[in-house]
Amino acid sequence: MFTITIAGVASAFDAPVRLETLTDQQTKRVYAAKVDNRLRELAYVVDRDAAVEFLGYDNVDSTRIYATSIRYLVCMAFYRVYPELQIKFSNSIAMGVYGRPTNGTLSPEMVAKVVAEMKNLIQRNLPIVRSQRSIAAVKKHYQALGYVDKVETLKYRKEAVNIYECDGYLNYMYGYMVPSTGYLKEFELFYYSPGFLARVPRIEANGQIPEFADSPQFLRVLNKAEQWAIQCDADMIYKMNKKIEAGRTVEYVNMCETKHNNQLCELGMLIAKDIDNIKLIAIAGPSSSGKTTFARRLEIELLTRGIKPFPISIDNYYLTPDQAPIDEFGQPDLEHVNALDLTLFNQNVADLVAGKPTSLPVFDFMNHRRVMTPPIVVKPHEPIIIEGIHALNDLLTQFIPSDQKFKIYISPFAQINIDNNNPINLTDLRLLRRIVRDLQFRNTSPEKTLSMWPSVRRGEYKWIYPFIESSNYIYNSELTYEMAVLKRYAMAALLKIPNDSEHYIAANRLIKFLKYFKGIDDYVVPCNSLLREFIGKSVFAH
């Protein structure tokens, strides 16, 4: 006899019980559970005293399990309809995951057949069963299918492999799954040239599939990043590990850094070409995109072309917390655009562009108040640079005509996969950067950073992502080698998070995929690298 406690209500059982049987799936849309603070699949069997919390679309781990299961279903449907095609998933676009075949072409009619097969599999409500098998057995299975990517990745796995079987189909998606295909009723899959887009309900859309918004610029940048990674043998973890094992680390690091240099050169040429019109350069991107270092390096790039930019810190325009808007939790919303003194900012920018002597605010941290600088004059051909979360929002630059603004969106667009079916989430790269930076320079523990991350993400969806397509240039700030460097900083800190912490699940998930990377010592990282913003010893920090 043992007791299971759910939402404060204890129930006694005299035989092991499967979690799936304890919840009404039809009304609760539950896809996972916490059992004594450990993330568990609904197929998990409880046979002891335990506290259980069921997880739905208000929980990031549950939504991740649903999305992982949809990728499994897509691969299964393709295998059944077009077994010769090998499917590769890239990263998120338009709140969905982009995919394409690596060894063939797609058409809208082909995607429609795959959708029909997915619906057929869902209707049959087939069980998805996890089992543990030897690495040799799984390798043999993938070799027979010609899945070189999966075979090579298994070389970096030391223990047995968990694999999921559904009606004879075998695959492993490096994540937990729902217990049967019948759970996966909510999805969209449609042709998105030259591949397809798979979309599922999202937390940000209150558990609904978000309205589709085309993102052509975003897709172009992702495709360009993937093409570069493939050309340089850096699109899979195992390929990067081979570079390190072969003693090509310095070459690999400098290839990635050169990619940044080339983008800066391209930006410099674009701005110089239209410098007679450009009065304002606006830089925005989500947390830990490397905005600070990028802005400094862009200034230097422009200086080499005889252009002397004038930077303004948006941070000096924040209102005091008691003047900021209130969020849904009754707290000051410091990420809201109205947390800025928009009137003063707009007026200052307009006066500077007009060549008027202008006093600017600077926050005095000693006295916790704003003070004004002596009057400043910006000369012609000295574009103003603004950088911050709201920089692309025209509410900050209402008096500046659109043709006088050059808008830059910056974010890491890594196209790194564990294998073809399993991309690494772009958000996880930024999260690891922030964990390392916060620990290094802000005396903030990984647990504290993880606790703040949901709020940070909400602000990004509200105040940054809607403006991506309005930008003149999207700068890809990822350095493909950086995971191998960040691993050395992040792993030790994440491993210290105790298993009774509410952030243990997130930490454990990050640890699992970091283990696949061979580490790189940070001495090979250049002193002006954007990565130095997060690991330290940047020349721009002095």
Protein backbone atom coordinates (compact mmCIF):
# COMPACT_ATOMS: atom_id res chain seq x y z
CA MET A 1 0.00 0.00 0.00
CA PHE A 2 1.28 3.47 -0.91
CA THR A 3 -0.09 7.01 -1.24
CA ILE A 4 -0.11 9.40 -4.22
CA THR A 5 -0.83 13.06 -3.49
CA ILE A 6 -2.26 15.19 -6.31
CA ALA A 7 -3.16 18.86 -5.71
CA GLY A 8 -3.13 18.26 -1.96
CA VAL A 9 -5.42 15.24 -2.14
CA ALA A 10 -3.92 11.91 -1.05
CA SER A 11 -5.15 8.60 -2.48
CA ALA A 12 -4.10 5.09 -1.48
CA PHE A 13 -3.09 2.40 -3.97
CA ASP A 14 -2.23 -1.25 -3.46
CA ALA A 15 -0.68 -1.84 -6.91
CA PRO A 16 1.65 0.16 -9.21
CA VAL A 17 -0.24 2.79 -11.21
CA ARG A 18 0.55 4.43 -14.55
CA LEU A 19 0.38 8.23 -14.39
CA GLU A 20 -1.76 8.40 -17.52
CA THR A 21 -4.61 6.67 -15.67
CA LEU A 22 -4.72 9.34 -12.96
CA THR A 23 -5.75 12.28 -15.15
CA ASP A 24 -8.65 13.07 -17.47
CA GLN A 25 -6.79 13.76 -20.70
CA GLN A 26 -9.90 14.97 -22.53
CA THR A 27 -10.44 17.96 -20.24
CA LYS A 28 -6.99 18.72 -18.85
CA ARG A 29 -4.70 18.52 -21.93
CA VAL A 30 -1.99 17.04 -19.75
CA TYR A 31 1.21 15.78 -21.40
CA ALA A 32 3.65 15.19 -18.54
CA ALA A 33 3.98 15.22 -14.78
CA LYS A 34 6.35 16.01 -11.96
CA VAL A 35 6.81 13.15 -9.53
CA ASP A 36 8.64 14.35 -6.44
CA ASN A 37 10.07 17.19 -8.52
CA ARG A 38 11.36 14.91 -11.29
CA LEU A 39 9.92 15.29 -14.79
CA ARG A 40 8.16 12.11 -15.86
CA GLU A 41 6.30 10.88 -18.91
CA LEU A 42 2.66 9.93 -18.51
CA ALA A 43 3.74 6.34 -19.20
CA TYR A 44 5.73 6.39 -15.95
CA VAL A 45 4.58 3.90 -13.31
CA VAL A 46 4.40 5.00 -9.67
CA ASP A 47 4.86 2.28 -7.04
CA ARG A 48 5.70 4.26 -3.91
CA ASP A 49 4.56 7.26 -1.85
CA ALA A 50 4.83 10.28 -4.13
CA ALA A 51 3.64 13.82 -4.79
CA VAL A 52 2.41 14.23 -8.38
CA GLU A 53 1.82 17.45 -10.33
CA PHE A 54 0.34 17.14 -13.81
CA LEU A 55 1.66 19.54 -16.45
CA GLY A 56 -0.22 21.13 -19.34
CA TYR A 57 0.23 24.03 -21.74
CA ASP A 58 1.09 26.47 -18.96
CA ASN A 59 4.33 24.54 -18.38
CA VAL A 60 7.38 24.81 -20.64
CA ASP A 61 8.49 21.21 -20.06
CA SER A 62 5.08 19.87 -21.02
CA THR A 63 4.95 21.94 -24.20
CA ARG A 64 8.45 20.76 -25.11
CA ILE A 65 7.34 17.13 -24.76
CA TYR A 66 4.38 17.81 -27.04
CA ALA A 67 6.59 19.49 -29.66
CA THR A 68 9.13 16.66 -29.48
CA SER A 69 6.37 14.12 -29.97
CA ILE A 70 5.07 16.01 -33.01
CA ARG A 71 8.55 15.86 -34.57
CA TYR A 72 8.54 12.10 -33.96
CA LEU A 73 5.11 11.81 -35.61
CA VAL A 74 6.23 13.89 -38.62
CA CYS A 75 9.28 11.64 -39.10
CA MET A 76 7.14 8.53 -38.75
CA ALA A 77 4.59 9.77 -41.29
CA PHE A 78 7.32 10.68 -43.79
CA TYR A 79 8.92 7.25 -43.30
CA ARG A 80 5.61 5.57 -44.10
CA VAL A 81 4.70 7.71 -47.10
CA TYR A 82 8.15 8.56 -48.51
CA PRO A 83 10.62 6.12 -46.88
CA GLU A 84 13.48 7.21 -49.13
CA LEU A 85 13.49 10.78 -47.74
CA GLN A 86 15.64 11.77 -44.77
CA ILE A 87 14.09 14.66 -42.83
CA LYS A 88 16.11 17.41 -41.20
CA PHE A 89 14.57 19.86 -38.75
CA SER A 90 16.06 23.31 -38.36
CA ASN A 91 15.07 25.86 -35.77
CA SER A 92 12.04 27.88 -34.88
CA ILE A 93 10.44 30.22 -37.38
CA ALA A 94 6.96 31.79 -37.25
CA MET A 95 6.45 30.00 -33.93
CA GLY A 96 6.96 26.64 -35.60
CA VAL A 97 9.79 24.32 -36.53
CA TYR A 98 11.07 24.28 -40.10
CA GLY A 99 11.96 21.01 -41.80
CA ARG A 100 13.01 19.70 -45.19
CA PRO A 101 14.35 16.53 -46.80
CA THR A 102 18.15 16.38 -47.12
CA ASN A 103 18.07 14.05 -50.11
CA GLY A 104 15.15 15.15 -52.24
CA THR A 105 12.54 17.80 -52.97
CA LEU A 106 9.07 18.43 -51.62
CA SER A 107 5.83 19.66 -53.12
CA PRO A 108 2.59 20.87 -51.51
CA GLU A 109 0.94 17.63 -52.62
CA MET A 110 3.59 15.54 -50.87
CA VAL A 111 3.18 17.47 -47.63
CA ALA A 112 -0.61 17.00 -47.86
CA LYS A 113 -0.10 13.21 -48.01
CA VAL A 114 2.13 13.36 -44.93
CA VAL A 115 -0.54 15.34 -43.06
CA ALA A 116 -3.14 12.74 -44.02
CA GLU A 117 -0.90 9.97 -42.68
CA MET A 118 -0.32 11.89 -39.43
CA LYS A 119 -4.06 12.21 -38.92
CA ASN A 120 -4.46 8.50 -39.61
CA LEU A 121 -1.82 7.65 -36.99
CA ILE A 122 -3.47 9.98 -34.47
CA GLN A 123 -6.88 8.47 -35.04
CA ARG A 124 -5.50 4.97 -34.42
CA ASN A 125 -4.11 6.15 -31.06
CA LEU A 126 -1.04 3.94 -31.33
CA PRO A 127 1.13 3.49 -28.21
CA ILE A 128 4.58 5.11 -28.21
CA VAL A 129 6.72 2.82 -26.07
CA ARG A 130 10.15 3.58 -24.68
CA SER A 131 12.72 0.83 -24.27
CA GLN A 132 16.43 0.73 -23.52
CA ARG A 133 18.69 -0.92 -26.07
CA SER A 134 22.40 -1.36 -26.57
CA ILE A 135 24.30 1.20 -28.63
CA ALA A 136 25.35 -1.57 -31.00
CA ALA A 137 21.74 -2.59 -31.66
CA VAL A 138 20.58 0.97 -32.30
CA LYS A 139 23.58 1.65 -34.55
CA LYS A 140 22.73 -1.43 -36.61
CA HIS A 141 19.13 -0.19 -36.99
CA TYR A 142 20.18 3.27 -38.16
CA GLN A 143 22.91 1.91 -40.43
CA ALA A 144 20.34 -0.21 -42.23
CA LEU A 145 18.32 2.96 -42.91
CA GLY A 146 21.36 4.95 -44.03
CA TYR A 147 21.07 7.45 -41.17
CA VAL A 148 24.77 8.39 -40.98
CA ASP A 149 24.06 11.38 -38.71
CA LYS A 150 22.49 9.20 -36.03
CA VAL A 151 25.20 6.55 -36.23
CA GLU A 152 27.97 9.13 -35.85
CA THR A 153 26.24 10.83 -32.92
CA LEU A 154 25.95 7.53 -31.04
CA LYS A 155 29.77 7.37 -30.92
CA TYR A 156 29.61 10.09 -28.26
CA ARG A 157 27.15 8.21 -26.11
CA LYS A 158 28.65 5.97 -23.44
CA GLU A 159 25.58 4.30 -22.01
CA ALA A 160 22.66 2.38 -23.50
CA VAL A 161 20.13 4.24 -25.65
CA ASN A 162 16.48 4.97 -24.94
CA ILE A 163 14.50 4.49 -28.12
CA TYR A 164 10.80 4.86 -28.84
CA GLU A 165 8.76 2.38 -30.89
CA CYS A 166 5.36 3.04 -32.43
CA ASP A 167 3.73 0.37 -34.62
CA GLY A 168 7.15 -0.90 -35.72
CA TYR A 169 8.72 2.55 -36.24
CA LEU A 170 11.85 3.22 -34.14
CA ASN A 171 13.41 6.61 -33.42
CA TYR A 172 14.90 8.65 -30.58
CA MET A 173 14.24 12.39 -30.30
CA TYR A 174 16.48 13.15 -27.27
CA GLY A 175 13.50 14.03 -25.13
CA TYR A 176 10.45 12.64 -23.40
CA MET A 177 7.33 11.70 -25.39
CA VAL A 178 3.57 11.45 -24.94
CA PRO A 179 2.33 7.88 -24.38
CA SER A 180 0.38 7.48 -27.64
CA THR A 181 -0.34 9.17 -30.96
CA GLY A 182 -3.88 10.05 -29.86
CA TYR A 183 -2.48 12.86 -27.72
CA LEU A 184 -1.22 14.77 -30.77
CA LYS A 185 -4.47 16.08 -32.24
CA GLU A 186 -3.44 19.75 -32.28
CA PHE A 187 -0.91 20.65 -34.96
CA GLU A 188 -0.41 22.40 -38.27
CA LEU A 189 1.87 21.11 -41.01
CA PHE A 190 2.05 22.90 -44.34
CA TYR A 191 4.39 23.38 -47.29
CA TYR A 192 6.79 26.28 -46.76
CA SER A 193 9.14 26.37 -49.74
CA PRO A 194 11.40 24.50 -50.08
CA GLY A 195 10.39 22.53 -46.99
CA PHE A 196 7.55 22.50 -44.49
CA LEU A 197 6.55 24.17 -41.25
CA ALA A 198 5.23 22.24 -38.24
CA ARG A 199 3.35 24.27 -35.64
CA VAL A 200 1.84 23.32 -32.27
CA PRO A 201 0.06 25.12 -29.41
CA ARG A 202 2.31 27.52 -27.51
CA ILE A 203 2.44 28.95 -24.00
CA GLU A 204 2.72 32.43 -25.52
CA ALA A 205 -0.64 31.90 -27.27
CA ASN A 206 -2.41 30.57 -24.15
CA GLY A 207 -2.23 26.99 -25.34
CA GLN A 208 -3.42 27.69 -28.87
CA ILE A 209 -1.60 27.45 -32.19
CA PRO A 210 -0.55 31.07 -32.85
CA GLU A 211 -1.79 32.90 -35.90
CA PHE A 212 0.72 32.42 -38.70
CA ALA A 213 2.88 35.44 -39.55
CA ASP A 214 5.26 35.03 -42.47
CA SER A 215 8.92 35.78 -41.68
CA PRO A 216 10.85 35.84 -44.98
CA GLN A 217 13.86 37.74 -43.59
CA PHE A 218 14.08 35.39 -40.64
CA LEU A 219 13.95 32.35 -42.93
CA ARG A 220 16.66 33.75 -45.20
CA VAL A 221 19.00 34.22 -42.23
CA LEU A 222 18.31 30.69 -40.95
CA ASN A 223 18.92 29.22 -44.40
CA LYS A 224 22.15 31.20 -44.75
CA ALA A 225 23.29 30.01 -41.31
CA GLU A 226 22.54 26.42 -42.20
CA GLN A 227 24.32 26.66 -45.56
CA TRP A 228 27.42 28.08 -43.83
CA ALA A 229 27.34 25.36 -41.17
CA ILE A 230 27.04 22.58 -43.78
CA GLN A 231 29.85 24.03 -45.92
CA CYS A 232 32.13 24.23 -42.88
CA ASP A 233 31.14 20.82 -41.42
CA ALA A 234 29.65 22.51 -38.35
CA ASP A 235 25.94 21.68 -38.60
CA MET A 236 26.13 18.60 -36.33
CA ILE A 237 27.74 18.18 -32.92
CA TYR A 238 29.66 15.10 -34.04
CA LYS A 239 31.24 17.03 -36.93
CA MET A 240 32.40 19.78 -34.57
CA ASN A 241 33.79 17.20 -32.17
CA LYS A 242 35.81 15.67 -35.00
CA LYS A 243 37.43 19.06 -35.69
CA ILE A 244 38.52 19.30 -32.06
CA GLU A 245 39.74 15.68 -32.00
CA ALA A 246 41.75 16.33 -35.17
CA GLY A 247 43.55 19.29 -33.57
CA ARG A 248 41.75 21.87 -35.73
CA THR A 249 40.31 23.91 -32.85
CA VAL A 250 42.12 27.19 -33.65
CA GLU A 251 41.13 26.93 -37.30
CA TYR A 252 37.52 26.18 -36.30
CA VAL A 253 37.33 29.12 -33.85
CA ASN A 254 38.74 31.57 -36.39
CA MET A 255 36.36 30.36 -39.11
CA CYS A 256 33.46 31.28 -36.84
CA GLU A 257 34.98 34.62 -35.84
CA THR A 258 35.61 35.47 -39.50
CA LYS A 259 31.92 34.97 -40.16
CA HIS A 260 31.25 37.79 -37.66
CA ASN A 261 33.89 39.96 -39.27
CA ASN A 262 32.36 39.44 -42.70
CA GLN A 263 28.92 40.48 -41.44
CA LEU A 264 30.38 43.63 -39.86
CA CYS A 265 32.13 44.46 -43.13
CA GLU A 266 28.87 43.97 -45.03
CA LEU A 267 27.04 46.21 -42.57
CA GLY A 268 29.72 48.87 -42.83
CA MET A 269 29.40 48.95 -46.60
CA LEU A 270 25.61 49.20 -46.47
CA ILE A 271 25.66 52.07 -43.99
CA ALA A 272 28.51 53.93 -45.74
CA LYS A 273 26.68 53.65 -49.06
CA ASP A 274 23.69 55.54 -47.65
CA ILE A 275 25.38 57.67 -44.99
CA ASP A 276 23.99 60.90 -46.50
CA ASN A 277 20.51 59.74 -45.45
CA ILE A 278 21.11 57.60 -42.35
CA LYS A 279 20.76 59.65 -39.18
CA LEU A 280 19.97 56.87 -36.72
CA ILE A 281 21.20 53.28 -36.32
CA ALA A 282 18.93 51.22 -34.06
CA ILE A 283 20.09 47.89 -32.60
CA ALA A 284 17.74 45.49 -30.82
CA GLY A 285 17.70 41.82 -29.94
CA PRO A 286 16.63 39.42 -27.21
CA SER A 287 18.53 38.80 -23.99
CA SER A 288 22.13 37.59 -24.34
CA SER A 289 22.35 38.25 -28.06
CA GLY A 290 25.63 40.13 -27.62
CA LYS A 291 24.24 43.60 -28.31
CA THR A 292 26.85 45.45 -26.24
CA THR A 293 29.91 43.97 -27.93
CA PHE A 294 28.28 44.12 -31.34
CA ALA A 295 27.53 47.84 -30.94
CA ARG A 296 31.16 48.56 -30.03
CA ARG A 297 32.49 46.52 -32.93
CA LEU A 298 30.08 48.21 -35.33
CA GLU A 299 31.31 51.61 -34.13
CA ILE A 300 34.87 50.54 -34.91
CA GLU A 301 33.85 49.22 -38.33
CA LEU A 302 32.24 52.55 -39.13
CA LEU A 303 35.25 54.50 -37.84
CA THR A 304 37.44 52.67 -40.38
CA ARG A 305 35.17 54.13 -43.05
CA GLY A 306 35.45 57.69 -41.74
CA ILE A 307 32.05 57.56 -40.04
CA LYS A 308 31.95 58.66 -36.39
CA PRO A 309 28.80 57.29 -34.73
CA PHE A 310 27.41 58.82 -31.56
CA PRO A 311 26.02 56.22 -29.09
CA ILE A 312 23.09 56.90 -26.77
CA SER A 313 22.23 54.52 -23.95
CA ILE A 314 18.50 53.84 -23.75
CA ASP A 315 19.07 52.61 -20.18
CA ASN A 316 19.46 56.23 -19.05
CA TYR A 317 15.84 56.93 -20.00
CA TYR A 318 14.17 54.38 -17.74
CA LEU A 319 11.63 55.80 -15.33
CA THR A 320 11.75 54.90 -11.66
CA PRO A 321 9.90 51.65 -10.77
CA ASP A 322 7.02 53.57 -9.16
CA GLN A 323 6.41 55.33 -12.52
CA ALA A 324 6.55 52.13 -14.63
CA PRO A 325 3.44 50.28 -15.90
CA ILE A 326 2.13 47.41 -13.77
CA ASP A 327 2.25 43.86 -15.13
CA GLU A 328 -0.38 41.13 -14.73
CA PHE A 329 1.23 40.10 -11.44
CA GLY A 330 0.93 43.60 -9.94
CA GLN A 331 4.66 44.31 -10.24
CA PRO A 332 6.43 47.17 -12.09
CA ASP A 333 6.90 46.04 -15.71
CA LEU A 334 10.37 47.38 -16.47
CA GLU A 335 10.40 45.71 -19.89
CA HIS A 336 7.32 47.65 -21.06
CA VAL A 337 8.05 50.37 -23.62
CA ASN A 338 6.24 52.85 -21.38
CA ALA A 339 8.79 52.18 -18.65
CA LEU A 340 10.93 54.58 -20.70
CA ASP A 341 10.63 58.37 -20.73
CA LEU A 342 9.50 58.32 -24.36
CA THR A 343 8.81 62.05 -24.52
CA LEU A 344 12.33 62.99 -23.46
CA PHE A 345 13.97 60.31 -25.63
CA ASN A 346 12.10 61.35 -28.76
CA GLN A 347 12.89 65.00 -28.18
CA ASN A 348 16.58 64.36 -27.50
CA VAL A 349 17.00 62.22 -30.63
CA ALA A 350 15.15 64.77 -32.81
CA ASP A 351 17.25 67.65 -31.47
CA LEU A 352 20.53 65.77 -31.98
CA VAL A 353 19.60 64.86 -35.55
CA ALA A 354 18.76 68.51 -36.19
CA GLY A 355 22.21 69.55 -34.94
CA LYS A 356 20.90 71.37 -31.86
CA PRO A 357 22.94 71.50 -28.62
CA THR A 358 21.26 68.87 -26.43
CA SER A 359 21.67 67.83 -22.79
CA LEU A 360 21.26 64.07 -22.28
CA PRO A 361 20.30 62.18 -19.13
CA VAL A 362 22.78 59.95 -17.31
CA PHE A 363 21.74 57.82 -14.36
CA ASP A 364 23.74 58.62 -11.25
CA PHE A 365 23.97 55.29 -9.39
CA MET A 366 25.53 56.91 -6.31
CA ASN A 367 22.56 59.20 -5.75
CA HIS A 368 19.94 57.03 -7.54
CA ARG A 369 18.76 59.84 -9.75
CA ARG A 370 19.06 61.13 -13.29
CA VAL A 371 21.44 64.02 -14.04
CA MET A 372 21.90 65.93 -17.30
CA THR A 373 25.12 66.20 -19.30
CA PRO A 374 26.47 69.49 -20.69
CA PRO A 375 24.98 70.31 -24.12
CA ILE A 376 26.19 68.01 -26.91
CA VAL A 377 26.17 68.63 -30.65
CA VAL A 378 26.17 65.82 -33.21
CA LYS A 379 27.76 66.73 -36.53
CA PRO A 380 26.47 65.78 -39.99
CA HIS A 381 27.49 62.25 -41.04
CA GLU A 382 27.68 61.23 -37.37
CA PRO A 383 24.79 58.79 -37.07
CA ILE A 384 23.30 58.23 -33.64
CA ILE A 385 23.45 54.61 -32.41
CA ILE A 386 20.80 53.39 -29.99
CA GLU A 387 20.85 49.89 -28.55
CA GLY A 388 18.27 48.14 -26.37
CA ILE A 389 15.21 45.95 -26.18
CA HIS A 390 12.93 48.63 -27.71
CA ALA A 391 15.34 50.14 -30.22
CA LEU A 392 13.38 48.95 -33.28
CA ASN A 393 10.08 50.26 -31.91
CA ASP A 394 9.14 53.44 -33.77
CA LEU A 395 7.61 54.83 -30.56
CA LEU A 396 11.19 55.72 -29.59
CA THR A 397 11.94 57.58 -32.81
CA GLN A 398 8.63 59.12 -33.87
CA PHE A 399 10.22 62.31 -35.21
CA ILE A 400 12.74 60.55 -37.47
CA PRO A 401 11.55 59.59 -40.99
CA SER A 402 11.85 55.88 -41.74
CA ASP A 403 14.35 56.40 -44.57
CA GLN A 404 16.72 58.04 -42.07
CA LYS A 405 16.75 54.98 -39.80
CA PHE A 406 18.88 51.87 -40.26
CA LYS A 407 17.47 49.09 -38.10
CA ILE A 408 19.54 46.08 -37.05
CA TYR A 409 18.12 42.99 -35.36
CA ILE A 410 20.73 40.86 -33.61
CA SER A 411 20.33 37.32 -32.27
CA PRO A 412 22.22 34.01 -32.43
CA PHE A 413 20.86 31.85 -35.25
CA ALA A 414 22.78 28.66 -34.62
CA GLN A 415 21.92 25.82 -36.96
CA ILE A 416 23.39 23.04 -34.84
CA ASN A 417 21.74 19.64 -34.62
CA ILE A 418 22.35 16.59 -32.48
CA ASP A 419 21.21 14.71 -35.57
CA ASN A 420 18.93 15.51 -38.50
CA ASN A 421 15.76 15.06 -36.46
CA ASN A 422 16.92 16.97 -33.39
CA PRO A 423 17.96 20.64 -33.58
CA ILE A 424 19.35 22.50 -30.58
CA ASN A 425 17.00 25.23 -29.46
CA LEU A 426 18.23 28.77 -30.17
CA THR A 427 16.76 29.91 -26.88
CA ASP A 428 18.91 27.41 -24.98
CA LEU A 429 22.06 28.96 -26.47
CA ARG A 430 21.05 32.39 -25.17
CA LEU A 431 20.04 30.92 -21.83
CA LEU A 432 23.47 29.31 -21.41
CA ARG A 433 25.18 32.59 -22.33
CA ARG A 434 23.13 34.37 -19.68
CA ILE A 435 23.73 31.71 -17.01
CA VAL A 436 27.49 32.01 -17.56
CA ARG A 437 27.48 35.83 -17.69
CA ASP A 438 25.24 36.24 -14.64
CA LEU A 439 27.42 33.89 -12.61
CA GLN A 440 30.65 35.54 -13.76
CA PHE A 441 29.77 39.22 -13.46
CA ARG A 442 26.50 39.68 -11.59
CA ASN A 443 26.93 37.26 -8.69
CA THR A 444 23.69 35.63 -9.80
CA SER A 445 23.26 31.89 -9.39
CA PRO A 446 22.01 29.67 -12.23
CA GLU A 447 18.83 29.05 -10.20
CA LYS A 448 18.13 32.79 -10.04
CA THR A 449 18.76 33.18 -13.78
CA LEU A 450 16.46 30.25 -14.54
CA SER A 451 13.75 31.76 -12.33
CA MET A 452 13.89 35.05 -14.27
CA TRP A 453 13.98 33.46 -17.72
CA PRO A 454 10.18 33.01 -18.24
CA SER A 455 9.63 36.73 -17.58
CA VAL A 456 12.47 37.61 -19.95
CA ARG A 457 10.93 35.42 -22.65
CA ARG A 458 7.50 37.01 -22.23
CA GLY A 459 9.05 40.42 -22.75
CA GLU A 460 10.83 39.25 -25.89
CA TYR A 461 7.67 37.94 -27.50
CA LYS A 462 5.86 41.17 -26.71
CA TRP A 463 8.50 43.82 -27.39
CA ILE A 464 11.15 42.40 -29.73
CA TYR A 465 9.91 39.68 -32.06
CA PRO A 466 7.08 41.75 -33.64
CA PHE A 467 9.69 44.14 -35.07
CA ILE A 468 12.12 41.64 -36.65
CA GLU A 469 10.73 41.92 -40.17
CA SER A 470 10.96 45.74 -40.07
CA SER A 471 14.75 45.60 -39.73
CA ASN A 472 17.17 46.54 -42.50
CA TYR A 473 19.69 43.91 -41.48
CA ILE A 474 19.59 40.77 -39.34
CA TYR A 475 22.94 40.06 -37.69
CA ASN A 476 23.60 36.45 -36.74
CA SER A 477 25.56 36.65 -33.49
CA GLU A 478 26.12 32.93 -32.96
CA LEU A 479 29.62 31.52 -32.86
CA THR A 480 29.21 27.87 -33.71
CA TYR A 481 32.10 26.81 -31.47
CA GLU A 482 30.75 28.64 -28.43
CA MET A 483 28.79 25.73 -26.92
CA ALA A 484 32.09 23.88 -26.50
CA VAL A 485 33.47 26.86 -24.54
CA LEU A 486 30.31 27.62 -22.55
CA LYS A 487 30.17 23.96 -21.51
CA ARG A 488 33.27 24.44 -19.35
CA TYR A 489 31.59 27.26 -17.43
CA ALA A 490 28.00 26.06 -17.35
CA MET A 491 28.30 22.35 -16.54
CA ALA A 492 29.90 22.74 -13.12
CA ALA A 493 27.36 25.40 -12.08
CA LEU A 494 24.35 23.45 -13.35
CA LEU A 495 25.49 20.24 -11.67
CA LYS A 496 25.40 22.04 -8.30
CA ILE A 497 21.64 22.63 -8.54
CA PRO A 498 20.12 20.14 -6.07
CA ASN A 499 17.48 17.68 -7.23
CA ASP A 500 14.91 19.18 -4.86
CA SER A 501 15.21 22.59 -6.57
CA GLU A 502 12.33 23.73 -8.76
CA HIS A 503 14.95 24.44 -11.45
CA TYR A 504 16.52 20.97 -11.38
CA ILE A 505 14.50 19.81 -14.41
CA ALA A 506 15.69 22.71 -16.57
CA ALA A 507 19.29 22.29 -15.40
CA ASN A 508 19.23 18.56 -16.09
CA ARG A 509 17.91 19.12 -19.61
CA LEU A 510 20.73 21.57 -20.41
CA ILE A 511 23.33 19.21 -18.96
CA LYS A 512 22.11 16.32 -21.12
CA PHE A 513 22.81 18.00 -24.45
CA LEU A 514 25.97 19.81 -23.29
CA LYS A 515 27.48 16.39 -22.61
CA TYR A 516 27.63 15.72 -26.34
CA PHE A 517 30.06 18.61 -26.96
CA LYS A 518 33.82 18.22 -26.71
CA GLY A 519 35.12 21.10 -24.60
CA ILE A 520 37.29 23.95 -25.88
CA ASP A 521 39.62 25.96 -23.62
CA ASP A 522 38.80 29.67 -23.63
CA TYR A 523 42.39 30.77 -24.36
CA VAL A 524 41.63 30.36 -28.09
CA VAL A 525 38.78 32.91 -27.91
CA PRO A 526 39.93 36.30 -29.34
CA CYS A 527 39.91 39.24 -26.92
CA ASN A 528 37.41 41.17 -29.07
CA SER A 529 35.11 38.20 -29.61
CA LEU A 530 31.43 38.66 -28.89
CA LEU A 531 31.70 35.52 -26.72
CA ARG A 532 33.99 37.43 -24.33
CA GLU A 533 30.93 39.47 -23.29
CA PHE A 534 29.76 36.33 -21.48
CA ILE A 535 32.94 34.55 -20.37
CA GLY A 536 35.03 37.63 -19.55
CA LYS A 537 38.35 39.31 -20.48
CA SER A 538 36.82 41.32 -23.30
CA VAL A 539 38.88 44.29 -24.49
CA PHE A 540 35.64 46.28 -24.50
CA ALA A 541 35.18 45.81 -20.75
CA HIS A 542 38.03 48.25 -19.98
